[in-house]
Amino acid sequence: MAIERLKKIDPSKVALVIIDMQNDFVIEGAPVECGEPGRATIPVIQKMKQWAYSKNVPVIYTQECHRADLSDFGMEAEHEPPHTLEGTPGIEIINELKPTKDDYLVRKRRYSAFFQTDFDMLLRGLGKQVLVFCGVCTNICVYGSALDGLQMGYHSVILSDAVAGTSVKFHDLFLEHMEFLVGDVIDSKSFIDLYETL
């Protein structure tokens, strides 16, 4: 079923969305670290960025941001340690994936890229409806953004080898759940190969 849906994609409507590839999620010892699986996504996402540039597909980054006094953490503070605080190195996109001047950046206070941000406005302005997700964490911000995308009428595509969860268990469970309910799950090579046939 997923492949049949994906074959219907209009290639001119695709955007590559890189979720929260920030120091506080990716580097060793980070407060909400995705471990080696998180770091293993880096070359895959680099490859996807180059592919996107070659196809004139816009690259959109999200960056989780919190005030240093924790006043905007809300219930998140009950579940996670402080992270991605403004004015700290942890908030920065990792060196290997720094956005270029041609990339877009959406800053967010919550898990979903859509919640009280200009992400939807940006996508509509660019004329994009198919969101190809990379990044971290599979079971938190990737899931929250893909789910909101579905509910707002976007086609969410999750690249299985370009996302990582807070654990391998949660990564696998949430990929299975997203395939069931939220969008289409496919590895990066298969997506690129399929895109060439559209």
N, C-alpha and C. Protein backbone atom coordinates (compact mmCIF):
# COMPACT_ATOMS: atom_id res chain seq x y z
N MET A 1 0.84 -1.21 0.00
CA MET A 1 0.00 0.00 0.00
C MET A 1 0.87 1.26 0.00
N ALA A 2 1.95 1.24 0.82
CA ALA A 2 2.81 2.41 0.90
C ALA A 2 3.42 2.75 -0.45
N ILE A 3 3.92 1.75 -1.15
CA ILE A 3 4.55 1.99 -2.46
C ILE A 3 3.53 2.55 -3.43
N GLU A 4 2.32 2.05 -3.38
CA GLU A 4 1.29 2.56 -4.29
C GLU A 4 0.99 4.03 -4.00
N ARG A 5 0.95 4.40 -2.72
CA ARG A 5 0.74 5.83 -2.38
C ARG A 5 1.93 6.66 -2.85
N LEU A 6 3.12 6.13 -2.60
CA LEU A 6 4.32 6.89 -2.95
C LEU A 6 4.44 7.09 -4.46
N LYS A 7 3.95 6.15 -5.23
CA LYS A 7 4.01 6.28 -6.69
C LYS A 7 3.12 7.42 -7.21
N LYS A 8 2.22 7.89 -6.34
CA LYS A 8 1.32 8.97 -6.74
C LYS A 8 1.86 10.36 -6.38
N ILE A 9 3.02 10.40 -5.75
CA ILE A 9 3.60 11.68 -5.33
C ILE A 9 3.89 12.57 -6.54
N ASP A 10 3.55 13.83 -6.40
CA ASP A 10 3.96 14.84 -7.38
C ASP A 10 5.35 15.31 -6.96
N PRO A 11 6.39 15.02 -7.74
CA PRO A 11 7.76 15.37 -7.31
C PRO A 11 7.96 16.86 -7.08
N SER A 12 7.14 17.69 -7.69
CA SER A 12 7.29 19.13 -7.49
C SER A 12 6.76 19.58 -6.13
N LYS A 13 6.11 18.69 -5.40
CA LYS A 13 5.51 19.03 -4.10
C LYS A 13 6.33 18.54 -2.91
N VAL A 14 7.53 18.02 -3.16
CA VAL A 14 8.34 17.38 -2.11
C VAL A 14 9.25 18.39 -1.40
N ALA A 15 9.34 18.27 -0.08
CA ALA A 15 10.30 19.01 0.73
C ALA A 15 11.04 18.02 1.64
N LEU A 16 12.32 18.24 1.83
CA LEU A 16 13.11 17.44 2.78
C LEU A 16 13.12 18.17 4.11
N VAL A 17 12.69 17.47 5.17
CA VAL A 17 12.59 18.08 6.50
C VAL A 17 13.55 17.38 7.45
N ILE A 18 14.49 18.13 7.99
CA ILE A 18 15.51 17.57 8.89
C ILE A 18 15.18 18.03 10.31
N ILE A 19 14.76 17.08 11.11
CA ILE A 19 14.25 17.38 12.44
C ILE A 19 15.37 17.37 13.48
N ASP A 20 15.63 18.51 14.11
CA ASP A 20 16.37 18.63 15.37
C ASP A 20 17.72 17.92 15.42
N MET A 21 18.50 17.99 14.35
CA MET A 21 19.85 17.40 14.39
C MET A 21 20.79 18.36 15.13
N GLN A 22 20.57 18.46 16.43
CA GLN A 22 21.24 19.42 17.29
C GLN A 22 22.19 18.71 18.26
N ASN A 23 23.14 19.45 18.76
CA ASN A 23 24.14 18.87 19.67
C ASN A 23 23.50 18.15 20.85
N ASP A 24 22.45 18.72 21.43
CA ASP A 24 21.86 18.14 22.63
C ASP A 24 21.08 16.85 22.39
N PHE A 25 20.96 16.46 21.13
CA PHE A 25 20.32 15.18 20.80
C PHE A 25 21.29 14.18 20.17
N VAL A 26 22.38 14.67 19.59
CA VAL A 26 23.18 13.81 18.72
C VAL A 26 24.58 13.52 19.26
N ILE A 27 25.26 14.50 19.81
CA ILE A 27 26.65 14.26 20.21
C ILE A 27 26.72 13.36 21.44
N GLU A 28 27.85 12.71 21.60
CA GLU A 28 28.03 11.78 22.71
C GLU A 28 27.90 12.51 24.05
N GLY A 29 27.09 11.94 24.95
CA GLY A 29 26.88 12.53 26.26
C GLY A 29 25.81 13.60 26.29
N ALA A 30 25.10 13.80 25.20
CA ALA A 30 24.05 14.82 25.13
C ALA A 30 22.93 14.51 26.13
N PRO A 31 22.20 15.53 26.61
CA PRO A 31 21.14 15.31 27.60
C PRO A 31 20.04 14.37 27.13
N VAL A 32 19.68 14.45 25.85
CA VAL A 32 18.67 13.54 25.28
C VAL A 32 19.33 12.86 24.08
N GLU A 33 20.29 12.02 24.38
CA GLU A 33 21.14 11.47 23.33
C GLU A 33 20.48 10.29 22.62
N CYS A 34 20.60 10.27 21.30
CA CYS A 34 20.13 9.15 20.50
C CYS A 34 21.23 8.13 20.24
N GLY A 35 22.40 8.34 20.82
CA GLY A 35 23.48 7.37 20.76
C GLY A 35 24.05 7.17 19.36
N GLU A 36 24.68 6.02 19.19
CA GLU A 36 25.29 5.70 17.90
C GLU A 36 24.26 5.66 16.76
N PRO A 37 23.05 5.14 16.99
CA PRO A 37 22.06 5.19 15.90
C PRO A 37 21.80 6.61 15.42
N GLY A 38 21.79 7.57 16.34
CA GLY A 38 21.60 8.97 15.94
C GLY A 38 22.74 9.47 15.08
N ARG A 39 23.96 9.15 15.50
CA ARG A 39 25.13 9.59 14.73
C ARG A 39 25.24 8.85 13.40
N ALA A 40 24.71 7.63 13.35
CA ALA A 40 24.73 6.86 12.10
C ALA A 40 23.84 7.47 11.03
N THR A 41 22.90 8.32 11.42
CA THR A 41 22.04 8.97 10.42
C THR A 41 22.75 10.09 9.68
N ILE A 42 23.86 10.59 10.24
CA ILE A 42 24.50 11.79 9.67
C ILE A 42 24.88 11.61 8.20
N PRO A 43 25.62 10.55 7.81
CA PRO A 43 25.95 10.43 6.39
C PRO A 43 24.73 10.21 5.50
N VAL A 44 23.70 9.58 6.04
CA VAL A 44 22.47 9.37 5.25
C VAL A 44 21.80 10.72 4.99
N ILE A 45 21.71 11.55 6.02
CA ILE A 45 21.09 12.86 5.86
C ILE A 45 21.94 13.75 4.95
N GLN A 46 23.25 13.65 5.07
CA GLN A 46 24.13 14.40 4.15
C GLN A 46 23.84 14.01 2.71
N LYS A 47 23.68 12.72 2.47
CA LYS A 47 23.36 12.22 1.13
C LYS A 47 22.01 12.75 0.67
N MET A 48 21.04 12.76 1.58
CA MET A 48 19.71 13.26 1.21
C MET A 48 19.75 14.75 0.91
N LYS A 49 20.57 15.50 1.62
CA LYS A 49 20.68 16.93 1.33
C LYS A 49 21.24 17.15 -0.08
N GLN A 50 22.28 16.42 -0.43
CA GLN A 50 22.85 16.56 -1.76
C GLN A 50 21.84 16.16 -2.84
N TRP A 51 21.10 15.11 -2.56
CA TRP A 51 20.05 14.70 -3.49
C TRP A 51 19.02 15.81 -3.65
N ALA A 52 18.60 16.40 -2.52
CA ALA A 52 17.59 17.46 -2.57
C ALA A 52 18.08 18.64 -3.38
N TYR A 53 19.32 19.04 -3.17
CA TYR A 53 19.87 20.16 -3.93
C TYR A 53 19.87 19.84 -5.43
N SER A 54 20.19 18.60 -5.77
CA SER A 54 20.27 18.24 -7.19
C SER A 54 18.91 18.22 -7.86
N LYS A 55 17.85 18.09 -7.07
CA LYS A 55 16.48 18.03 -7.60
C LYS A 55 15.69 19.31 -7.33
N ASN A 56 16.35 20.33 -6.81
CA ASN A 56 15.67 21.57 -6.43
C ASN A 56 14.55 21.34 -5.43
N VAL A 57 14.78 20.38 -4.53
CA VAL A 57 13.86 20.11 -3.43
C VAL A 57 14.30 20.95 -2.23
N PRO A 58 13.44 21.77 -1.66
CA PRO A 58 13.87 22.61 -0.54
C PRO A 58 14.23 21.78 0.68
N VAL A 59 15.24 22.25 1.41
CA VAL A 59 15.69 21.60 2.63
C VAL A 59 15.27 22.49 3.80
N ILE A 60 14.48 21.91 4.70
CA ILE A 60 13.95 22.66 5.84
C ILE A 60 14.43 22.00 7.13
N TYR A 61 15.11 22.78 7.95
CA TYR A 61 15.55 22.30 9.27
C TYR A 61 14.57 22.75 10.34
N THR A 62 14.41 21.92 11.36
CA THR A 62 13.77 22.40 12.58
C THR A 62 14.83 22.46 13.67
N GLN A 63 14.62 23.39 14.60
CA GLN A 63 15.54 23.58 15.71
C GLN A 63 14.72 23.80 16.98
N GLU A 64 14.80 22.83 17.88
CA GLU A 64 14.11 22.99 19.16
C GLU A 64 14.85 24.03 20.00
N CYS A 65 14.10 24.97 20.56
CA CYS A 65 14.68 26.07 21.32
C CYS A 65 13.91 26.24 22.63
N HIS A 66 14.64 26.40 23.73
CA HIS A 66 14.01 26.68 25.02
C HIS A 66 14.70 27.84 25.71
N ARG A 67 13.93 28.62 26.42
CA ARG A 67 14.50 29.73 27.18
C ARG A 67 15.35 29.19 28.33
N ALA A 68 16.40 29.91 28.64
CA ALA A 68 17.35 29.46 29.67
C ALA A 68 16.72 29.34 31.05
N ASP A 69 15.65 30.10 31.31
CA ASP A 69 15.01 30.01 32.63
C ASP A 69 13.97 28.89 32.69
N LEU A 70 13.85 28.12 31.59
CA LEU A 70 12.96 26.95 31.50
C LEU A 70 11.48 27.32 31.54
N SER A 71 11.16 28.61 31.35
CA SER A 71 9.77 29.05 31.47
C SER A 71 8.87 28.49 30.38
N ASP A 72 9.46 28.00 29.28
CA ASP A 72 8.63 27.48 28.19
C ASP A 72 8.71 25.96 28.07
N PHE A 73 9.27 25.29 29.07
CA PHE A 73 9.39 23.83 28.99
C PHE A 73 8.05 23.14 29.21
N GLY A 74 7.21 23.70 30.05
CA GLY A 74 5.92 23.07 30.30
C GLY A 74 6.09 21.66 30.84
N MET A 75 5.20 20.76 30.44
CA MET A 75 5.23 19.38 30.92
C MET A 75 6.44 18.61 30.41
N GLU A 76 7.10 19.12 29.38
CA GLU A 76 8.30 18.46 28.88
C GLU A 76 9.35 18.32 29.99
N ALA A 77 9.36 19.30 30.91
CA ALA A 77 10.33 19.27 32.01
C ALA A 77 10.07 18.12 32.96
N GLU A 78 8.85 17.57 32.93
CA GLU A 78 8.54 16.43 33.79
C GLU A 78 9.09 15.13 33.23
N HIS A 79 9.45 15.14 31.96
CA HIS A 79 9.86 13.90 31.29
C HIS A 79 11.32 13.89 30.85
N GLU A 80 11.90 15.06 30.66
CA GLU A 80 13.25 15.14 30.09
C GLU A 80 14.10 16.15 30.85
N PRO A 81 15.41 15.98 30.86
CA PRO A 81 16.28 17.00 31.47
C PRO A 81 16.32 18.25 30.59
N PRO A 82 16.74 19.38 31.14
CA PRO A 82 16.87 20.60 30.32
C PRO A 82 17.78 20.35 29.12
N HIS A 83 17.38 20.90 27.99
CA HIS A 83 18.15 20.72 26.76
C HIS A 83 17.81 21.82 25.77
N THR A 84 18.63 21.97 24.76
CA THR A 84 18.49 22.97 23.69
C THR A 84 18.12 24.36 24.24
N LEU A 85 18.90 24.78 25.23
CA LEU A 85 18.65 26.09 25.84
C LEU A 85 19.30 27.19 25.01
N GLU A 86 18.56 28.28 24.82
CA GLU A 86 19.09 29.41 24.08
C GLU A 86 20.40 29.90 24.72
N GLY A 87 21.38 30.20 23.88
CA GLY A 87 22.65 30.70 24.36
C GLY A 87 23.65 29.62 24.76
N THR A 88 23.28 28.34 24.54
CA THR A 88 24.19 27.24 24.86
C THR A 88 24.57 26.50 23.57
N PRO A 89 25.73 25.81 23.57
CA PRO A 89 26.13 25.05 22.38
C PRO A 89 25.15 23.95 22.02
N GLY A 90 24.40 23.46 23.01
CA GLY A 90 23.49 22.35 22.76
C GLY A 90 22.39 22.65 21.76
N ILE A 91 22.08 23.92 21.60
CA ILE A 91 20.99 24.30 20.69
C ILE A 91 21.41 24.24 19.22
N GLU A 92 22.72 24.25 18.97
CA GLU A 92 23.21 24.38 17.60
C GLU A 92 23.02 23.09 16.79
N ILE A 93 22.75 23.27 15.51
CA ILE A 93 22.76 22.14 14.57
C ILE A 93 24.18 21.58 14.54
N ILE A 94 24.31 20.26 14.50
CA ILE A 94 25.64 19.65 14.53
C ILE A 94 26.49 20.14 13.36
N ASN A 95 27.80 20.17 13.58
CA ASN A 95 28.72 20.71 12.57
C ASN A 95 28.60 20.01 11.23
N GLU A 96 28.36 18.71 11.25
CA GLU A 96 28.32 17.95 10.00
C GLU A 96 27.11 18.29 9.13
N LEU A 97 26.13 18.95 9.71
CA LEU A 97 24.89 19.22 8.97
C LEU A 97 24.46 20.68 9.06
N LYS A 98 25.41 21.58 9.21
CA LYS A 98 25.05 23.00 9.32
C LYS A 98 24.20 23.44 8.12
N PRO A 99 23.11 24.14 8.37
CA PRO A 99 22.32 24.67 7.26
C PRO A 99 23.13 25.64 6.41
N THR A 100 22.84 25.65 5.12
CA THR A 100 23.45 26.62 4.22
C THR A 100 22.52 27.82 4.08
N LYS A 101 22.99 28.83 3.37
CA LYS A 101 22.17 30.03 3.17
C LYS A 101 20.91 29.74 2.37
N ASP A 102 20.88 28.64 1.65
CA ASP A 102 19.72 28.29 0.83
C ASP A 102 18.71 27.42 1.57
N ASP A 103 19.07 26.97 2.77
CA ASP A 103 18.16 26.13 3.54
C ASP A 103 17.22 27.01 4.37
N TYR A 104 16.14 26.40 4.82
CA TYR A 104 15.17 27.09 5.68
C TYR A 104 15.30 26.55 7.10
N LEU A 105 15.00 27.40 8.08
CA LEU A 105 15.09 27.01 9.48
C LEU A 105 13.81 27.40 10.20
N VAL A 106 13.21 26.43 10.87
CA VAL A 106 12.00 26.65 11.65
C VAL A 106 12.33 26.38 13.11
N ARG A 107 12.18 27.37 13.97
CA ARG A 107 12.44 27.19 15.39
C ARG A 107 11.13 26.84 16.10
N LYS A 108 11.23 25.93 17.06
CA LYS A 108 10.02 25.45 17.72
C LYS A 108 10.26 25.30 19.22
N ARG A 109 9.18 25.41 19.99
CA ARG A 109 9.24 25.27 21.44
C ARG A 109 8.72 23.91 21.90
N ARG A 110 8.07 23.20 21.03
CA ARG A 110 7.46 21.92 21.39
C ARG A 110 7.93 20.85 20.42
N TYR A 111 7.42 19.63 20.60
CA TYR A 111 7.87 18.50 19.79
C TYR A 111 7.54 18.68 18.31
N SER A 112 6.33 19.10 18.03
CA SER A 112 5.88 19.18 16.63
C SER A 112 6.43 20.43 15.94
N ALA A 113 6.86 20.25 14.70
CA ALA A 113 7.33 21.38 13.89
C ALA A 113 6.19 22.33 13.56
N PHE A 114 4.95 21.86 13.66
CA PHE A 114 3.80 22.66 13.29
C PHE A 114 3.25 23.50 14.44
N PHE A 115 3.51 23.12 15.69
CA PHE A 115 2.83 23.74 16.82
C PHE A 115 3.35 25.15 17.07
N GLN A 116 2.50 26.13 16.79
CA GLN A 116 2.78 27.55 17.02
C GLN A 116 4.09 28.00 16.38
N THR A 117 4.33 27.52 15.15
CA THR A 117 5.47 27.97 14.34
C THR A 117 4.94 28.45 12.99
N ASP A 118 5.85 28.87 12.13
CA ASP A 118 5.45 29.29 10.78
C ASP A 118 5.71 28.18 9.75
N PHE A 119 5.86 26.95 10.21
CA PHE A 119 6.17 25.83 9.32
C PHE A 119 5.10 25.64 8.25
N ASP A 120 3.84 25.63 8.66
CA ASP A 120 2.74 25.46 7.70
C ASP A 120 2.73 26.61 6.70
N MET A 121 2.94 27.82 7.16
CA MET A 121 2.96 28.98 6.26
C MET A 121 4.10 28.86 5.25
N LEU A 122 5.26 28.41 5.73
CA LEU A 122 6.41 28.22 4.84
C LEU A 122 6.11 27.18 3.77
N LEU A 123 5.57 26.05 4.19
CA LEU A 123 5.27 24.98 3.24
C LEU A 123 4.26 25.43 2.20
N ARG A 124 3.25 26.14 2.64
CA ARG A 124 2.24 26.64 1.69
C ARG A 124 2.85 27.66 0.73
N GLY A 125 3.73 28.50 1.25
CA GLY A 125 4.39 29.47 0.40
C GLY A 125 5.29 28.82 -0.64
N LEU A 126 5.90 27.70 -0.26
CA LEU A 126 6.76 26.96 -1.19
C LEU A 126 5.97 26.03 -2.10
N GLY A 127 4.70 25.83 -1.78
CA GLY A 127 3.87 24.93 -2.58
C GLY A 127 4.21 23.46 -2.36
N LYS A 128 4.57 23.09 -1.13
CA LYS A 128 5.00 21.72 -0.85
C LYS A 128 3.95 21.00 0.00
N GLN A 129 3.70 19.74 -0.35
CA GLN A 129 2.69 18.95 0.35
C GLN A 129 3.21 17.58 0.79
N VAL A 130 4.38 17.18 0.31
CA VAL A 130 4.96 15.87 0.65
C VAL A 130 6.20 16.13 1.50
N LEU A 131 6.16 15.71 2.76
CA LEU A 131 7.22 16.00 3.70
C LEU A 131 8.04 14.74 3.94
N VAL A 132 9.30 14.78 3.54
CA VAL A 132 10.21 13.64 3.69
C VAL A 132 11.06 13.90 4.93
N PHE A 133 10.82 13.11 5.97
CA PHE A 133 11.40 13.38 7.28
C PHE A 133 12.69 12.61 7.52
N CYS A 134 13.69 13.34 8.03
CA CYS A 134 14.94 12.80 8.57
C CYS A 134 15.09 13.36 9.99
N GLY A 135 16.04 12.80 10.76
CA GLY A 135 16.41 13.43 12.01
C GLY A 135 16.03 12.66 13.25
N VAL A 136 15.92 13.41 14.36
CA VAL A 136 15.68 12.81 15.67
C VAL A 136 14.62 13.62 16.43
N CYS A 137 13.97 12.97 17.35
CA CYS A 137 14.00 11.55 17.68
C CYS A 137 12.79 10.89 17.02
N THR A 138 12.97 9.68 16.51
CA THR A 138 11.90 8.98 15.82
C THR A 138 10.61 9.00 16.62
N ASN A 139 10.72 8.71 17.92
CA ASN A 139 9.55 8.53 18.78
C ASN A 139 9.07 9.81 19.46
N ILE A 140 9.71 10.93 19.16
CA ILE A 140 9.28 12.18 19.80
C ILE A 140 8.98 13.23 18.73
N CYS A 141 9.99 13.97 18.30
CA CYS A 141 9.74 15.11 17.40
C CYS A 141 9.46 14.69 15.96
N VAL A 142 10.10 13.61 15.49
CA VAL A 142 9.76 13.13 14.14
C VAL A 142 8.31 12.66 14.13
N TYR A 143 7.96 11.86 15.12
CA TYR A 143 6.57 11.37 15.21
C TYR A 143 5.58 12.51 15.37
N GLY A 144 5.86 13.44 16.30
CA GLY A 144 4.93 14.54 16.52
C GLY A 144 4.73 15.39 15.28
N SER A 145 5.79 15.63 14.53
CA SER A 145 5.70 16.46 13.33
C SER A 145 4.99 15.71 12.20
N ALA A 146 5.32 14.43 12.03
CA ALA A 146 4.68 13.64 10.97
C ALA A 146 3.19 13.47 11.24
N LEU A 147 2.83 13.25 12.51
CA LEU A 147 1.42 13.10 12.87
C LEU A 147 0.66 14.39 12.60
N ASP A 148 1.20 15.51 13.03
CA ASP A 148 0.53 16.78 12.75
C ASP A 148 0.45 17.04 11.25
N GLY A 149 1.50 16.65 10.52
CA GLY A 149 1.45 16.79 9.07
C GLY A 149 0.29 16.03 8.47
N LEU A 150 0.11 14.79 8.88
CA LEU A 150 -1.03 13.99 8.42
C LEU A 150 -2.34 14.69 8.72
N GLN A 151 -2.49 15.18 9.95
CA GLN A 151 -3.75 15.78 10.37
C GLN A 151 -4.03 17.10 9.67
N MET A 152 -2.97 17.71 9.12
CA MET A 152 -3.15 18.97 8.40
C MET A 152 -3.18 18.78 6.89
N GLY A 153 -3.21 17.53 6.44
CA GLY A 153 -3.38 17.26 5.03
C GLY A 153 -2.10 17.08 4.24
N TYR A 154 -0.96 16.96 4.93
CA TYR A 154 0.30 16.70 4.25
C TYR A 154 0.55 15.20 4.15
N HIS A 155 1.34 14.81 3.17
CA HIS A 155 1.76 13.42 3.01
C HIS A 155 3.10 13.27 3.71
N SER A 156 3.12 12.54 4.82
CA SER A 156 4.34 12.34 5.59
C SER A 156 5.07 11.08 5.14
N VAL A 157 6.36 11.24 4.83
CA VAL A 157 7.21 10.11 4.45
C VAL A 157 8.38 10.09 5.43
N ILE A 158 8.60 8.95 6.09
CA ILE A 158 9.66 8.85 7.08
C ILE A 158 10.75 7.94 6.53
N LEU A 159 11.97 8.45 6.45
CA LEU A 159 13.10 7.66 5.94
C LEU A 159 13.69 6.84 7.07
N SER A 160 13.50 5.53 7.02
CA SER A 160 13.80 4.66 8.16
C SER A 160 15.27 4.67 8.56
N ASP A 161 16.17 4.86 7.60
CA ASP A 161 17.60 4.85 7.91
C ASP A 161 18.15 6.26 8.15
N ALA A 162 17.29 7.26 8.13
CA ALA A 162 17.71 8.64 8.34
C ALA A 162 17.08 9.24 9.59
N VAL A 163 16.45 8.40 10.41
CA VAL A 163 15.89 8.83 11.69
C VAL A 163 16.41 7.90 12.78
N ALA A 164 16.43 8.39 14.02
CA ALA A 164 16.87 7.58 15.16
C ALA A 164 16.05 7.97 16.38
N GLY A 165 15.78 6.97 17.22
CA GLY A 165 14.97 7.20 18.40
C GLY A 165 15.79 7.28 19.67
N THR A 166 15.12 7.48 20.78
CA THR A 166 15.79 7.52 22.08
C THR A 166 16.25 6.13 22.50
N SER A 167 15.76 5.11 21.82
CA SER A 167 16.26 3.74 21.98
C SER A 167 15.93 2.99 20.70
N VAL A 168 16.61 1.88 20.48
CA VAL A 168 16.32 1.06 19.30
C VAL A 168 14.89 0.53 19.40
N LYS A 169 14.48 0.14 20.60
CA LYS A 169 13.13 -0.38 20.80
C LYS A 169 12.09 0.64 20.39
N PHE A 170 12.21 1.89 20.88
CA PHE A 170 11.23 2.92 20.55
C PHE A 170 11.31 3.29 19.07
N HIS A 171 12.50 3.32 18.52
CA HIS A 171 12.66 3.61 17.09
C HIS A 171 11.85 2.61 16.27
N ASP A 172 12.04 1.34 16.54
CA ASP A 172 11.35 0.30 15.77
C ASP A 172 9.84 0.35 15.99
N LEU A 173 9.42 0.53 17.23
CA LEU A 173 7.99 0.58 17.53
C LEU A 173 7.31 1.75 16.84
N PHE A 174 7.97 2.91 16.86
CA PHE A 174 7.33 4.10 16.28
C PHE A 174 7.36 4.07 14.76
N LEU A 175 8.38 3.48 14.16
CA LEU A 175 8.35 3.30 12.71
C LEU A 175 7.17 2.40 12.32
N GLU A 176 6.98 1.33 13.08
CA GLU A 176 5.85 0.44 12.80
C GLU A 176 4.53 1.17 12.96
N HIS A 177 4.42 1.97 14.02
CA HIS A 177 3.19 2.72 14.26
C HIS A 177 2.95 3.75 13.18
N MET A 178 3.99 4.48 12.79
CA MET A 178 3.82 5.50 11.76
C MET A 178 3.44 4.88 10.42
N GLU A 179 4.02 3.72 10.11
CA GLU A 179 3.65 3.03 8.87
C GLU A 179 2.18 2.63 8.90
N PHE A 180 1.70 2.25 10.08
CA PHE A 180 0.30 1.83 10.24
C PHE A 180 -0.67 2.99 10.12
N LEU A 181 -0.30 4.15 10.68
CA LEU A 181 -1.28 5.20 10.88
C LEU A 181 -0.94 6.56 10.31
N VAL A 182 0.36 6.91 10.27
CA VAL A 182 0.74 8.31 10.08
C VAL A 182 1.19 8.64 8.67
N GLY A 183 2.00 7.76 8.08
CA GLY A 183 2.56 8.07 6.76
C GLY A 183 3.19 6.85 6.14
N ASP A 184 4.18 7.09 5.33
CA ASP A 184 4.87 5.99 4.64
C ASP A 184 6.30 5.91 5.13
N VAL A 185 6.75 4.71 5.46
CA VAL A 185 8.10 4.46 5.93
C VAL A 185 8.88 3.74 4.84
N ILE A 186 10.03 4.29 4.48
CA ILE A 186 10.82 3.74 3.39
C ILE A 186 12.28 4.13 3.64
N ASP A 187 13.24 3.32 3.20
CA ASP A 187 14.64 3.71 3.38
C ASP A 187 15.04 4.72 2.30
N SER A 188 16.12 5.43 2.56
CA SER A 188 16.49 6.56 1.71
C SER A 188 16.80 6.14 0.28
N LYS A 189 17.52 5.04 0.09
CA LYS A 189 17.86 4.61 -1.27
C LYS A 189 16.60 4.25 -2.05
N SER A 190 15.69 3.54 -1.40
CA SER A 190 14.45 3.14 -2.08
C SER A 190 13.63 4.37 -2.44
N PHE A 191 13.63 5.38 -1.56
CA PHE A 191 12.89 6.59 -1.88
C PHE A 191 13.50 7.31 -3.07
N ILE A 192 14.82 7.45 -3.08
CA ILE A 192 15.48 8.12 -4.20
C ILE A 192 15.21 7.37 -5.50
N ASP A 193 15.32 6.05 -5.47
CA ASP A 193 15.07 5.23 -6.66
C ASP A 193 13.64 5.41 -7.14
N LEU A 194 12.69 5.42 -6.20
CA LEU A 194 11.29 5.58 -6.56
C LEU A 194 11.03 6.98 -7.15
N TYR A 195 11.65 7.99 -6.55
CA TYR A 195 11.48 9.37 -7.02
C TYR A 195 11.86 9.49 -8.49
N GLU A 196 12.89 8.77 -8.89
CA GLU A 196 13.35 8.83 -10.28
C GLU A 196 12.32 8.32 -11.26
N THR A 197 11.36 7.53 -10.79
CA THR A 197 10.35 6.95 -11.67
C THR A 197 9.09 7.81 -11.77
N LEU A 198 9.03 8.86 -10.95
CA LEU A 198 7.79 9.66 -10.89
C LEU A 198 7.68 10.59 -12.10
